[in-house]
N, C-alpha and C. Protein backbone atom coordinates (compact mmCIF):
# COMPACT_ATOMS: atom_id res chain seq x y z
N MET A 1 28.12 -0.80 -25.42
CA MET A 1 26.94 -0.10 -25.26
C MET A 1 26.34 -0.17 -23.96
N GLY A 2 25.89 0.92 -23.41
CA GLY A 2 25.30 0.98 -21.99
C GLY A 2 23.81 0.47 -21.97
N ARG A 3 23.32 -0.06 -20.85
CA ARG A 3 22.03 -0.37 -20.80
C ARG A 3 20.97 0.58 -21.31
N GLY A 4 21.11 1.83 -21.10
CA GLY A 4 19.95 2.72 -21.59
C GLY A 4 20.39 3.43 -22.93
N ASP A 5 21.36 2.87 -23.69
CA ASP A 5 21.68 3.45 -24.79
C ASP A 5 20.68 3.15 -25.95
N LEU A 6 20.76 3.84 -27.03
CA LEU A 6 19.85 3.66 -28.12
C LEU A 6 20.32 2.32 -28.88
N THR A 7 19.28 1.63 -29.13
CA THR A 7 19.54 0.40 -29.99
C THR A 7 19.86 0.83 -31.47
N ASN A 8 20.29 -0.11 -32.30
CA ASN A 8 20.62 0.27 -33.60
C ASN A 8 19.18 0.61 -34.35
N GLY A 9 18.14 -0.05 -33.92
CA GLY A 9 16.79 0.14 -34.68
C GLY A 9 16.31 1.49 -34.09
N GLN A 10 16.51 1.80 -32.86
CA GLN A 10 16.07 3.26 -32.34
C GLN A 10 16.81 4.34 -33.17
N TRP A 11 18.29 4.17 -33.25
CA TRP A 11 18.99 5.12 -33.75
C TRP A 11 18.62 5.22 -35.31
N SER A 12 18.44 4.16 -35.96
CA SER A 12 18.04 4.28 -37.38
C SER A 12 16.61 5.14 -37.50
N ARG A 13 15.78 4.98 -36.59
CA ARG A 13 14.50 5.70 -36.58
C ARG A 13 14.81 7.19 -36.19
N LEU A 14 15.59 7.48 -35.27
CA LEU A 14 15.82 8.81 -34.71
C LEU A 14 16.74 9.75 -35.75
N GLU A 15 17.69 8.97 -36.23
CA GLU A 15 18.80 9.66 -36.99
C GLU A 15 18.15 10.74 -38.17
N PRO A 16 17.17 10.17 -38.86
CA PRO A 16 16.66 11.09 -40.03
C PRO A 16 16.01 12.29 -39.54
N LEU A 17 15.58 12.43 -38.13
CA LEU A 17 14.86 13.44 -37.58
C LEU A 17 15.66 14.59 -37.13
N LEU A 18 17.01 14.27 -36.98
CA LEU A 18 17.97 15.23 -36.27
C LEU A 18 18.20 16.34 -37.05
N PRO A 19 18.33 17.48 -36.58
CA PRO A 19 18.73 18.76 -37.40
C PRO A 19 19.97 18.56 -37.95
N VAL A 20 20.00 19.26 -39.24
CA VAL A 20 21.38 19.15 -40.02
C VAL A 20 22.20 20.34 -39.84
N GLY A 21 23.43 20.23 -39.68
CA GLY A 21 24.39 21.37 -39.41
C GLY A 21 24.14 22.34 -40.69
N LYS A 22 24.29 23.54 -40.49
CA LYS A 22 24.04 24.45 -41.51
C LYS A 22 25.39 25.03 -42.15
N LYS A 23 26.44 24.87 -41.36
CA LYS A 23 27.67 25.35 -41.88
C LYS A 23 28.84 24.39 -41.89
N PRO A 24 29.60 24.27 -42.84
CA PRO A 24 30.52 23.30 -42.84
C PRO A 24 31.73 23.69 -41.72
N GLY A 25 32.36 22.75 -41.31
CA GLY A 25 33.52 23.05 -40.38
C GLY A 25 34.26 21.78 -40.09
N ARG A 26 35.01 21.76 -38.97
CA ARG A 26 35.93 20.75 -38.65
C ARG A 26 34.96 19.46 -38.31
N PRO A 27 35.51 18.29 -38.86
CA PRO A 27 34.71 17.10 -38.49
C PRO A 27 34.42 16.88 -37.02
N ARG A 28 33.36 16.28 -36.64
CA ARG A 28 32.93 16.07 -35.21
C ARG A 28 33.96 14.97 -34.89
N THR A 29 34.33 15.13 -33.60
CA THR A 29 35.02 14.12 -32.83
C THR A 29 34.20 12.92 -32.24
N TRP A 30 32.97 13.56 -31.85
CA TRP A 30 32.03 12.72 -31.04
C TRP A 30 30.70 12.81 -31.91
N THR A 31 30.22 11.53 -32.16
CA THR A 31 29.02 11.47 -33.04
C THR A 31 27.81 11.91 -32.23
N TYR A 32 26.75 12.23 -33.09
CA TYR A 32 25.48 12.57 -32.38
C TYR A 32 25.01 11.51 -31.46
N ARG A 33 25.23 10.28 -32.12
CA ARG A 33 24.61 9.03 -31.22
C ARG A 33 25.28 9.04 -29.95
N GLN A 34 26.55 9.29 -29.65
CA GLN A 34 27.18 9.38 -28.48
C GLN A 34 26.67 10.37 -27.67
N LEU A 35 26.60 11.60 -27.98
CA LEU A 35 26.17 12.73 -27.33
C LEU A 35 24.76 12.64 -26.90
N ILE A 36 23.92 12.06 -27.81
CA ILE A 36 22.50 11.89 -27.42
C ILE A 36 22.19 10.75 -26.39
N ASN A 37 23.20 9.82 -26.41
CA ASN A 37 23.33 8.74 -25.41
C ASN A 37 23.58 9.35 -24.10
N GLY A 38 24.65 10.27 -24.14
CA GLY A 38 25.08 11.03 -22.80
C GLY A 38 23.87 11.84 -22.28
N ILE A 39 23.09 12.51 -23.10
CA ILE A 39 21.96 13.35 -22.72
C ILE A 39 20.98 12.51 -22.19
N ARG A 40 20.72 11.40 -22.76
CA ARG A 40 19.70 10.44 -22.25
C ARG A 40 20.12 9.83 -20.90
N TRP A 41 21.46 9.52 -20.67
CA TRP A 41 22.06 9.04 -19.50
C TRP A 41 21.74 10.14 -18.39
N ARG A 42 22.21 11.30 -18.63
CA ARG A 42 22.06 12.39 -17.74
C ARG A 42 20.62 12.67 -17.19
N THR A 43 19.57 12.76 -18.22
CA THR A 43 18.16 12.87 -17.79
C THR A 43 17.58 11.68 -16.97
N ARG A 44 18.13 10.54 -17.45
CA ARG A 44 17.62 9.21 -16.87
C ARG A 44 17.92 9.12 -15.34
N THR A 45 19.43 9.55 -14.98
CA THR A 45 19.85 9.41 -13.74
C THR A 45 19.84 10.52 -12.87
N GLY A 46 19.53 11.73 -13.52
CA GLY A 46 19.43 13.00 -12.85
C GLY A 46 20.72 13.54 -12.29
N ALA A 47 21.87 12.88 -12.66
CA ALA A 47 23.08 13.34 -12.27
C ALA A 47 23.63 14.68 -12.82
N PRO A 48 24.62 15.22 -12.18
CA PRO A 48 25.09 16.54 -12.88
C PRO A 48 25.65 16.36 -14.09
N TRP A 49 25.56 17.39 -14.90
CA TRP A 49 26.27 17.22 -16.31
C TRP A 49 27.72 16.79 -16.21
N ARG A 50 28.45 17.37 -15.25
CA ARG A 50 29.81 16.99 -15.15
C ARG A 50 30.08 15.48 -14.84
N ASP A 51 29.03 14.70 -14.52
CA ASP A 51 29.21 13.34 -14.21
C ASP A 51 28.84 12.46 -15.45
N VAL A 52 28.53 12.90 -16.63
CA VAL A 52 28.34 12.19 -17.71
C VAL A 52 29.47 11.43 -17.93
N PRO A 53 29.32 9.97 -18.12
CA PRO A 53 30.54 9.18 -18.46
C PRO A 53 31.30 9.56 -19.78
N GLU A 54 32.61 9.33 -19.72
CA GLU A 54 33.51 9.85 -20.81
C GLU A 54 33.16 9.04 -22.16
N ARG A 55 32.55 7.85 -22.06
CA ARG A 55 32.13 7.08 -23.23
C ARG A 55 31.19 7.82 -24.14
N TYR A 56 30.43 8.84 -23.53
CA TYR A 56 29.40 9.65 -24.27
C TYR A 56 30.11 10.92 -24.81
N GLY A 57 31.34 11.17 -24.48
CA GLY A 57 31.94 12.43 -25.06
C GLY A 57 32.07 13.31 -23.86
N PRO A 58 32.69 14.47 -24.06
CA PRO A 58 32.90 15.45 -22.96
C PRO A 58 31.43 16.02 -22.43
N TRP A 59 31.33 16.13 -21.42
CA TRP A 59 29.99 16.59 -20.70
C TRP A 59 29.55 17.94 -21.28
N ASP A 60 30.51 18.81 -21.56
CA ASP A 60 30.23 20.11 -22.06
C ASP A 60 29.68 20.03 -23.43
N ARG A 61 30.07 19.29 -24.17
CA ARG A 61 29.54 18.94 -25.58
C ARG A 61 28.22 18.49 -25.59
N ALA A 62 27.97 17.52 -24.86
CA ALA A 62 26.52 17.03 -24.54
C ALA A 62 25.63 18.08 -24.04
N TYR A 63 25.97 18.85 -23.01
CA TYR A 63 25.20 19.82 -22.55
C TYR A 63 24.85 21.02 -23.58
N ASP A 64 26.06 21.38 -24.42
CA ASP A 64 25.90 22.33 -25.35
C ASP A 64 24.84 21.85 -26.60
N LEU A 65 25.01 20.67 -26.90
CA LEU A 65 24.10 20.07 -27.82
C LEU A 65 22.54 20.03 -27.42
N PHE A 66 22.48 19.67 -26.00
CA PHE A 66 21.13 19.66 -25.42
C PHE A 66 20.47 21.03 -25.44
N ARG A 67 21.29 22.03 -24.94
CA ARG A 67 20.72 23.43 -24.85
C ARG A 67 20.41 23.95 -26.20
N ARG A 68 21.38 23.77 -27.24
CA ARG A 68 21.12 24.40 -28.48
C ARG A 68 19.76 23.80 -29.13
N TRP A 69 19.65 22.50 -29.08
CA TRP A 69 18.47 21.88 -29.65
C TRP A 69 17.25 22.37 -28.93
N GLN A 70 17.38 22.49 -27.58
CA GLN A 70 16.33 22.89 -26.81
C GLN A 70 15.89 24.30 -27.21
N ARG A 71 16.81 25.38 -27.35
CA ARG A 71 16.50 26.62 -27.68
C ARG A 71 15.83 26.61 -29.19
N ASP A 72 16.38 25.80 -30.04
CA ASP A 72 15.84 25.81 -31.45
C ASP A 72 14.74 25.00 -31.60
N GLY A 73 14.16 24.37 -30.45
CA GLY A 73 12.91 23.66 -30.60
C GLY A 73 13.04 22.24 -31.36
N ALA A 74 14.42 21.67 -31.65
CA ALA A 74 14.56 20.53 -32.24
C ALA A 74 13.98 19.34 -31.44
N TRP A 75 14.10 19.30 -30.15
CA TRP A 75 13.65 18.18 -29.17
C TRP A 75 12.01 18.14 -29.35
N LYS A 76 11.43 19.25 -29.42
CA LYS A 76 10.07 19.29 -29.59
C LYS A 76 9.66 18.77 -30.91
N ARG A 77 10.18 19.02 -31.94
CA ARG A 77 9.87 18.71 -33.34
C ARG A 77 10.07 17.23 -33.36
N ILE A 78 11.32 16.77 -32.86
CA ILE A 78 11.51 15.32 -32.90
C ILE A 78 10.34 14.39 -32.12
N PHE A 79 10.02 15.09 -31.03
CA PHE A 79 8.98 14.47 -30.12
C PHE A 79 7.64 14.30 -30.96
N GLU A 80 7.21 15.47 -31.50
CA GLU A 80 5.97 15.56 -32.11
C GLU A 80 6.01 14.71 -33.40
N GLN A 81 7.06 14.68 -34.13
CA GLN A 81 7.05 13.77 -35.42
C GLN A 81 6.93 12.22 -34.97
N LEU A 82 7.68 11.81 -33.93
CA LEU A 82 7.56 10.40 -33.40
C LEU A 82 6.10 10.21 -32.81
N GLN A 83 5.60 11.16 -32.16
CA GLN A 83 4.22 10.84 -31.56
C GLN A 83 3.16 10.89 -32.64
N ALA A 84 3.25 11.59 -33.69
CA ALA A 84 2.31 11.57 -34.95
C ALA A 84 2.41 10.17 -35.63
N GLU A 85 3.60 9.90 -35.84
CA GLU A 85 3.73 8.54 -36.52
C GLU A 85 3.29 7.45 -35.69
N ALA A 86 3.51 7.48 -34.26
CA ALA A 86 2.93 6.54 -33.43
C ALA A 86 1.46 6.54 -33.38
N ASP A 87 0.97 7.72 -33.32
CA ASP A 87 -0.65 7.81 -33.34
C ASP A 87 -1.24 7.32 -34.69
N ALA A 88 -0.62 7.62 -35.85
CA ALA A 88 -1.05 7.18 -37.05
C ALA A 88 -1.09 5.56 -37.19
N LYS A 89 -0.11 4.92 -36.47
CA LYS A 89 -0.05 3.39 -36.45
C LYS A 89 -1.10 2.90 -35.38
N GLY A 90 -1.55 3.68 -34.56
CA GLY A 90 -2.59 3.20 -33.47
C GLY A 90 -1.95 2.90 -32.42
N LEU A 91 -0.70 3.17 -32.11
CA LEU A 91 0.02 2.75 -30.93
C LEU A 91 -0.15 3.61 -29.69
N ILE A 92 -0.81 4.79 -29.81
CA ILE A 92 -1.20 5.63 -28.90
C ILE A 92 -2.61 5.50 -28.44
N THR A 93 -2.98 5.52 -27.11
CA THR A 93 -4.39 5.42 -26.67
C THR A 93 -4.67 6.76 -26.05
N TRP A 94 -5.56 7.50 -26.49
CA TRP A 94 -5.76 8.96 -25.99
C TRP A 94 -6.86 8.88 -24.94
N ASP A 95 -6.68 8.23 -23.87
CA ASP A 95 -7.67 8.37 -23.00
C ASP A 95 -7.53 9.43 -21.91
N VAL A 96 -8.59 9.96 -21.32
CA VAL A 96 -8.41 10.97 -20.34
C VAL A 96 -8.73 10.42 -19.04
N SER A 97 -7.76 10.78 -18.09
CA SER A 97 -7.86 10.23 -16.76
C SER A 97 -7.72 11.32 -15.74
N VAL A 98 -8.69 11.47 -14.88
CA VAL A 98 -8.58 12.51 -13.84
C VAL A 98 -8.59 11.88 -12.53
N GLU A 99 -7.54 12.25 -11.75
CA GLU A 99 -7.49 11.78 -10.39
C GLU A 99 -7.47 12.84 -9.27
N SER A 100 -8.05 12.68 -8.28
CA SER A 100 -8.17 13.81 -7.34
C SER A 100 -8.00 13.07 -5.88
N THR A 101 -7.19 13.76 -5.04
CA THR A 101 -7.14 13.26 -3.75
C THR A 101 -7.69 14.27 -2.80
N VAL A 102 -8.55 13.96 -2.01
CA VAL A 102 -9.16 14.87 -0.92
C VAL A 102 -8.88 14.42 0.46
N ALA A 103 -8.33 15.22 1.32
CA ALA A 103 -8.00 14.92 2.65
C ALA A 103 -8.91 15.85 3.43
N ARG A 104 -9.99 15.25 3.98
CA ARG A 104 -10.81 15.98 4.78
C ARG A 104 -10.27 16.09 6.18
N ALA A 105 -10.31 17.25 6.66
CA ALA A 105 -9.89 17.60 8.14
C ALA A 105 -11.05 18.09 8.97
N HIS A 106 -10.91 17.82 10.25
CA HIS A 106 -12.01 18.42 11.15
C HIS A 106 -11.79 19.78 11.23
N GLN A 107 -12.95 20.53 11.42
CA GLN A 107 -12.78 22.00 11.41
C GLN A 107 -11.89 22.55 12.46
N HIS A 108 -11.64 21.82 13.49
CA HIS A 108 -10.75 22.26 14.58
C HIS A 108 -9.24 21.86 14.17
N ALA A 109 -9.07 21.16 13.10
CA ALA A 109 -7.69 20.61 12.74
C ALA A 109 -6.70 21.92 12.44
N ALA A 110 -7.23 22.99 12.15
CA ALA A 110 -6.41 24.03 11.56
C ALA A 110 -5.72 24.66 12.67
N GLY A 111 -6.18 24.57 13.81
CA GLY A 111 -5.38 25.17 15.08
C GLY A 111 -6.33 25.21 16.30
N ALA A 112 -5.73 24.92 17.53
CA ALA A 112 -6.57 24.94 18.68
C ALA A 112 -6.53 26.34 19.28
N ARG A 113 -7.68 26.60 20.10
CA ARG A 113 -7.73 27.86 20.80
C ARG A 113 -6.58 27.97 21.65
N LYS A 114 -6.06 29.27 21.98
CA LYS A 114 -4.90 29.46 22.65
C LYS A 114 -5.59 29.98 24.10
N LYS A 115 -4.91 29.40 25.21
CA LYS A 115 -5.46 29.90 26.44
C LYS A 115 -4.67 31.19 26.90
N GLY A 116 -5.35 31.97 27.56
CA GLY A 116 -4.71 33.15 28.11
C GLY A 116 -5.25 34.35 27.57
N ILE A 117 -4.81 35.44 27.54
CA ILE A 117 -5.22 36.80 27.17
C ILE A 117 -5.52 36.76 25.65
N SER A 118 -6.58 37.31 25.25
CA SER A 118 -6.94 37.56 23.82
C SER A 118 -5.89 38.40 23.25
N LYS A 119 -5.49 38.22 22.02
CA LYS A 119 -4.59 39.06 21.22
C LYS A 119 -5.28 40.31 20.66
N ARG A 120 -6.61 40.29 20.70
CA ARG A 120 -7.30 41.49 20.20
C ARG A 120 -7.55 42.42 21.41
N LEU A 121 -7.80 43.63 20.94
CA LEU A 121 -8.13 44.72 21.90
C LEU A 121 -9.71 44.48 22.16
N PRO A 122 -10.08 44.88 23.21
CA PRO A 122 -11.55 44.76 23.57
C PRO A 122 -12.33 45.69 22.70
N GLU A 123 -13.58 45.27 22.40
CA GLU A 123 -14.37 45.91 21.35
C GLU A 123 -14.65 47.41 21.77
N GLY A 124 -14.53 48.40 21.00
CA GLY A 124 -14.69 49.74 21.35
C GLY A 124 -13.51 50.49 21.95
N SER A 125 -12.43 49.79 22.25
CA SER A 125 -11.31 50.41 22.84
C SER A 125 -10.47 51.03 21.68
N ILE A 126 -9.79 51.98 22.18
CA ILE A 126 -8.85 52.70 21.29
C ILE A 126 -7.43 52.40 21.67
N PRO A 127 -6.62 52.07 20.89
CA PRO A 127 -5.22 51.84 21.09
C PRO A 127 -4.57 53.00 21.67
N SER A 128 -3.68 52.92 22.58
CA SER A 128 -2.95 54.10 23.11
C SER A 128 -1.53 53.60 23.24
N LEU A 129 -0.64 54.53 23.66
CA LEU A 129 0.85 54.13 23.77
C LEU A 129 0.90 53.20 24.92
N THR A 130 0.11 53.26 25.88
CA THR A 130 0.22 52.33 26.98
C THR A 130 -0.41 50.95 26.94
N THR A 131 -1.19 50.82 25.87
CA THR A 131 -1.80 49.45 25.45
C THR A 131 -1.05 48.61 24.85
N THR A 132 -0.76 47.35 25.32
CA THR A 132 0.12 46.48 24.44
C THR A 132 -0.73 45.71 23.53
N VAL A 133 -0.19 44.88 22.66
CA VAL A 133 -0.88 44.14 21.59
C VAL A 133 -1.93 43.18 22.47
N SER A 134 -1.47 42.66 23.48
CA SER A 134 -2.33 41.69 24.16
C SER A 134 -3.47 42.28 24.87
N GLY A 135 -3.52 43.69 24.88
CA GLY A 135 -4.77 44.18 25.58
C GLY A 135 -4.36 44.69 27.01
N ALA A 136 -3.37 44.19 27.56
CA ALA A 136 -3.04 44.45 28.94
C ALA A 136 -2.31 45.72 29.11
N ARG A 137 -2.32 46.39 30.23
CA ARG A 137 -1.65 47.62 30.46
C ARG A 137 -0.20 47.50 30.55
N ALA A 138 0.53 48.30 30.00
CA ALA A 138 2.05 48.19 30.08
C ALA A 138 2.37 48.46 31.58
N ALA A 139 3.47 47.91 31.96
CA ALA A 139 3.86 48.30 33.38
C ALA A 139 4.60 49.59 33.38
N GLY A 140 4.31 50.45 34.39
CA GLY A 140 5.16 51.56 34.28
C GLY A 140 4.65 52.56 35.07
């Protein structure tokens, strides 16, 4: 058993909450416990799915299980059930915390004035083909 794998106590708590397969078929080669440990390993490490260790089963089986339960809402149901039970036992403290960071900057920190010709046309002037964006006359 790996360092982050489910303990027997955790598994006995989680197993009854897992979705039940609807259609009979070929017996599983890999147990849900192995695949879920593989999913947990992958989410904990942030590694690519293809790097899931073989002791957890084939990476694509773990990925398929993860995606199927994600689409079906199984992960959400499991989380909500465990959260409700923990809340009923008083194990969750529902405190609200708001944190804000303000970084004040001087008004001139947004950018310094540029030296040289203004990029705007002089007030009241009409742009013409010989006027450039900088307001200077084109050579020619």
